[in-house]
N, C-alpha and C. Protein backbone atom coordinates (compact mmCIF):
# COMPACT_ATOMS: atom_id res chain seq x y z
N MET A 1 85.47 111.28 76.92
CA MET A 1 86.05 112.59 77.09
C MET A 1 87.54 112.54 76.75
N GLU A 2 87.97 113.38 75.84
CA GLU A 2 89.38 113.51 75.53
C GLU A 2 89.99 114.56 76.46
N LEU A 3 91.18 114.28 76.94
CA LEU A 3 91.86 115.23 77.82
C LEU A 3 92.52 116.32 77.01
N ASN A 4 92.38 117.56 77.47
CA ASN A 4 93.15 118.63 76.85
C ASN A 4 94.54 118.66 77.53
N ASP A 5 95.43 119.49 77.03
CA ASP A 5 96.80 119.50 77.56
C ASP A 5 96.86 119.83 79.03
N LEU A 6 96.05 120.79 79.48
CA LEU A 6 96.07 121.17 80.89
C LEU A 6 95.52 120.05 81.78
N GLN A 7 94.46 119.42 81.36
CA GLN A 7 93.93 118.28 82.12
C GLN A 7 94.97 117.16 82.23
N PHE A 8 95.68 116.93 81.15
CA PHE A 8 96.74 115.91 81.15
C PHE A 8 97.83 116.28 82.17
N LYS A 9 98.23 117.54 82.18
CA LYS A 9 99.25 118.00 83.15
C LYS A 9 98.76 117.85 84.58
N ILE A 10 97.50 118.18 84.80
CA ILE A 10 96.95 118.05 86.17
C ILE A 10 96.98 116.59 86.62
N LEU A 11 96.49 115.71 85.78
CA LEU A 11 96.50 114.28 86.14
C LEU A 11 97.92 113.77 86.31
N ASP A 12 98.84 114.29 85.53
CA ASP A 12 100.25 113.90 85.62
C ASP A 12 100.81 114.21 86.99
N SER A 13 100.30 115.23 87.65
CA SER A 13 100.81 115.62 88.96
C SER A 13 100.06 114.96 90.11
N LEU A 14 99.07 114.11 89.82
CA LEU A 14 98.23 113.57 90.89
C LEU A 14 98.34 112.06 91.09
N TYR A 15 99.51 111.53 90.87
CA TYR A 15 99.73 110.12 91.18
C TYR A 15 99.78 109.89 92.68
N PHE A 16 100.07 110.96 93.41
CA PHE A 16 100.08 110.95 94.86
C PHE A 16 99.24 112.14 95.32
N VAL A 17 98.79 112.12 96.56
CA VAL A 17 97.98 113.22 97.10
C VAL A 17 98.80 114.51 97.06
N GLU A 18 98.22 115.54 96.46
CA GLU A 18 98.92 116.81 96.30
C GLU A 18 98.02 117.98 96.66
N PRO A 19 98.59 119.04 97.25
CA PRO A 19 97.82 120.27 97.50
C PRO A 19 97.65 121.06 96.21
N PHE A 20 96.70 121.96 96.22
CA PHE A 20 96.40 122.76 95.03
C PHE A 20 97.62 123.56 94.56
N ASP A 21 98.39 124.11 95.48
CA ASP A 21 99.55 124.93 95.08
C ASP A 21 100.58 124.11 94.29
N ASN A 22 100.76 122.84 94.61
CA ASN A 22 101.69 121.99 93.85
C ASN A 22 101.14 121.75 92.44
N ILE A 23 99.86 121.51 92.33
CA ILE A 23 99.23 121.30 91.03
C ILE A 23 99.40 122.55 90.19
N LEU A 24 99.15 123.69 90.78
CA LEU A 24 99.28 124.97 90.10
C LEU A 24 100.69 125.20 89.59
N ALA A 25 101.67 124.92 90.43
CA ALA A 25 103.08 125.11 90.03
C ALA A 25 103.46 124.17 88.90
N GLU A 26 103.03 122.92 88.97
CA GLU A 26 103.39 121.95 87.94
C GLU A 26 102.66 122.20 86.63
N ALA A 27 101.45 122.74 86.69
CA ALA A 27 100.68 122.98 85.48
C ALA A 27 101.23 124.19 84.70
N GLY A 28 101.76 125.16 85.41
CA GLY A 28 102.31 126.33 84.74
C GLY A 28 101.30 127.21 84.03
N GLU A 29 100.09 127.22 84.54
CA GLU A 29 99.02 128.05 83.94
C GLU A 29 98.41 128.94 85.02
N ARG A 30 97.57 129.85 84.56
CA ARG A 30 96.89 130.75 85.51
C ARG A 30 96.01 129.96 86.47
N GLU A 31 95.91 130.47 87.68
CA GLU A 31 95.16 129.78 88.74
C GLU A 31 93.72 129.49 88.33
N SER A 32 93.05 130.45 87.71
CA SER A 32 91.65 130.25 87.35
C SER A 32 91.49 129.12 86.34
N TYR A 33 92.42 129.00 85.39
CA TYR A 33 92.36 127.91 84.41
C TYR A 33 92.56 126.56 85.08
N VAL A 34 93.56 126.48 85.94
CA VAL A 34 93.86 125.22 86.64
C VAL A 34 92.67 124.82 87.51
N ALA A 35 92.12 125.78 88.24
CA ALA A 35 90.98 125.48 89.11
C ALA A 35 89.79 124.98 88.30
N ASP A 36 89.50 125.63 87.17
CA ASP A 36 88.36 125.21 86.35
C ASP A 36 88.55 123.80 85.80
N GLU A 37 89.75 123.51 85.31
CA GLU A 37 90.01 122.17 84.76
C GLU A 37 90.02 121.11 85.85
N LEU A 38 90.53 121.47 87.02
CA LEU A 38 90.53 120.52 88.15
C LEU A 38 89.09 120.20 88.54
N LYS A 39 88.24 121.20 88.60
CA LYS A 39 86.82 120.99 88.92
C LYS A 39 86.15 120.08 87.89
N THR A 40 86.50 120.28 86.61
CA THR A 40 85.96 119.41 85.55
C THR A 40 86.39 117.97 85.76
N LEU A 41 87.66 117.77 86.09
CA LEU A 41 88.16 116.41 86.32
C LEU A 41 87.50 115.78 87.54
N ILE A 42 87.22 116.57 88.56
CA ILE A 42 86.50 116.07 89.74
C ILE A 42 85.08 115.66 89.33
N ASP A 43 84.41 116.53 88.59
CA ASP A 43 83.03 116.24 88.15
C ASP A 43 82.95 114.99 87.29
N LYS A 44 84.00 114.71 86.50
CA LYS A 44 84.03 113.55 85.61
C LYS A 44 84.53 112.29 86.33
N GLY A 45 84.82 112.39 87.63
CA GLY A 45 85.26 111.23 88.39
C GLY A 45 86.70 110.82 88.16
N MET A 46 87.50 111.75 87.65
CA MET A 46 88.91 111.44 87.37
C MET A 46 89.84 111.91 88.45
N VAL A 47 89.35 112.75 89.34
CA VAL A 47 90.14 113.24 90.48
C VAL A 47 89.27 113.17 91.72
N GLN A 48 89.88 112.72 92.81
CA GLN A 48 89.21 112.63 94.10
C GLN A 48 89.69 113.76 95.00
N VAL A 49 88.75 114.42 95.66
CA VAL A 49 89.08 115.45 96.65
C VAL A 49 89.43 114.74 97.95
N MET A 50 90.54 115.17 98.56
CA MET A 50 91.02 114.54 99.79
C MET A 50 91.15 115.61 100.87
N GLU A 51 90.94 115.18 102.12
CA GLU A 51 91.20 116.08 103.25
C GLU A 51 91.91 115.30 104.34
N PHE A 52 92.69 116.00 105.15
CA PHE A 52 93.46 115.33 106.19
C PHE A 52 92.59 115.04 107.39
N ASP A 53 92.62 113.79 107.83
CA ASP A 53 91.90 113.36 109.02
C ASP A 53 92.90 113.18 110.14
N ALA A 54 92.87 114.08 111.10
CA ALA A 54 93.84 114.07 112.19
C ALA A 54 93.75 112.79 113.02
N LYS A 55 92.54 112.28 113.21
CA LYS A 55 92.38 111.03 113.97
C LYS A 55 93.07 109.85 113.28
N ALA A 56 92.87 109.77 111.99
CA ALA A 56 93.46 108.66 111.23
C ALA A 56 94.93 108.94 110.92
N GLY A 57 95.32 110.20 110.97
CA GLY A 57 96.69 110.57 110.63
C GLY A 57 97.00 110.39 109.17
N ASP A 58 95.96 110.53 108.33
CA ASP A 58 96.14 110.31 106.89
C ASP A 58 95.06 111.08 106.13
N PHE A 59 95.22 111.10 104.81
CA PHE A 59 94.21 111.73 103.97
C PHE A 59 93.06 110.75 103.73
N VAL A 60 91.85 111.30 103.70
CA VAL A 60 90.66 110.51 103.42
C VAL A 60 89.86 111.21 102.34
N LYS A 61 89.03 110.45 101.65
CA LYS A 61 88.19 111.04 100.60
C LYS A 61 87.20 112.01 101.21
N SER A 62 86.98 113.09 100.52
CA SER A 62 86.01 114.08 100.93
C SER A 62 84.87 114.07 99.92
N ILE A 63 83.66 113.93 100.39
CA ILE A 63 82.51 113.91 99.50
C ILE A 63 82.19 115.33 99.01
N PHE A 64 82.35 116.30 99.89
CA PHE A 64 82.05 117.68 99.56
C PHE A 64 83.33 118.50 99.59
N TYR A 65 83.35 119.57 98.79
CA TYR A 65 84.45 120.52 98.84
C TYR A 65 83.94 121.89 98.44
N ASP A 66 84.64 122.91 98.86
CA ASP A 66 84.27 124.29 98.57
C ASP A 66 84.99 124.72 97.30
N THR A 67 84.26 124.90 96.23
CA THR A 67 84.87 125.25 94.94
C THR A 67 85.49 126.64 94.95
N ASP A 68 85.15 127.45 95.95
CA ASP A 68 85.74 128.77 96.07
C ASP A 68 87.03 128.77 96.88
N ASP A 69 87.37 127.62 97.47
CA ASP A 69 88.58 127.51 98.29
C ASP A 69 89.30 126.20 97.96
N MET A 70 89.83 126.13 96.75
CA MET A 70 90.51 124.91 96.28
C MET A 70 91.76 124.59 97.10
N ARG A 71 92.34 125.60 97.73
CA ARG A 71 93.56 125.40 98.53
C ARG A 71 93.28 124.68 99.86
N ALA A 72 92.05 124.58 100.24
CA ALA A 72 91.71 123.93 101.51
C ALA A 72 91.77 122.41 101.43
N TYR A 73 91.99 121.88 100.23
CA TYR A 73 91.95 120.44 100.02
C TYR A 73 93.19 119.95 99.30
N HIS A 74 93.30 118.64 99.26
CA HIS A 74 94.34 117.97 98.49
C HIS A 74 93.61 117.12 97.45
N TYR A 75 94.35 116.64 96.46
CA TYR A 75 93.71 115.95 95.33
C TYR A 75 94.53 114.74 94.92
N LEU A 76 93.84 113.75 94.36
CA LEU A 76 94.44 112.50 93.94
C LEU A 76 93.70 111.99 92.71
N ALA A 77 94.45 111.55 91.71
CA ALA A 77 93.82 110.96 90.53
C ALA A 77 93.15 109.65 90.92
N THR A 78 91.98 109.41 90.37
CA THR A 78 91.28 108.15 90.61
C THR A 78 91.80 107.12 89.60
N THR A 79 91.37 105.90 89.76
CA THR A 79 91.72 104.84 88.79
C THR A 79 91.24 105.26 87.40
N LYS A 80 90.03 105.78 87.31
CA LYS A 80 89.50 106.23 86.02
C LYS A 80 90.39 107.33 85.43
N GLY A 81 90.83 108.25 86.24
CA GLY A 81 91.70 109.33 85.77
C GLY A 81 93.05 108.81 85.33
N LEU A 82 93.61 107.90 86.08
CA LEU A 82 94.92 107.32 85.70
C LEU A 82 94.83 106.52 84.42
N MET A 83 93.74 105.77 84.26
CA MET A 83 93.55 105.01 83.04
C MET A 83 93.44 105.94 81.82
N LYS A 84 92.71 107.03 81.97
CA LYS A 84 92.57 107.99 80.89
C LYS A 84 93.91 108.67 80.60
N HIS A 85 94.63 109.02 81.64
CA HIS A 85 95.94 109.67 81.51
C HIS A 85 96.93 108.76 80.80
N ASN A 86 96.95 107.51 81.16
CA ASN A 86 97.92 106.56 80.57
C ASN A 86 97.51 106.09 79.19
N GLY A 87 96.24 106.23 78.86
CA GLY A 87 95.75 105.78 77.56
C GLY A 87 95.83 106.83 76.48
N ARG A 88 96.33 107.97 76.83
CA ARG A 88 96.39 109.08 75.85
C ARG A 88 97.39 108.83 74.78
């Protein structure tokens, strides 16, 4: 899979755990476009969905997420995503 410009921008902002609003601001595109490309990157295993675990006091991987509420989660590039991003 070749990354398009928006996917590249999204991965560029996910070297650390980030909320959806930060990704949206850094991408500089319409929310629906960013959400669709983020979902594609998640489906391709290039981005991990994260949620805050109050017990652990840190973010943990989330297996499930609500695609209609992208703001409820945080996101992080996976090793696969970083390798693709850096290999462009």
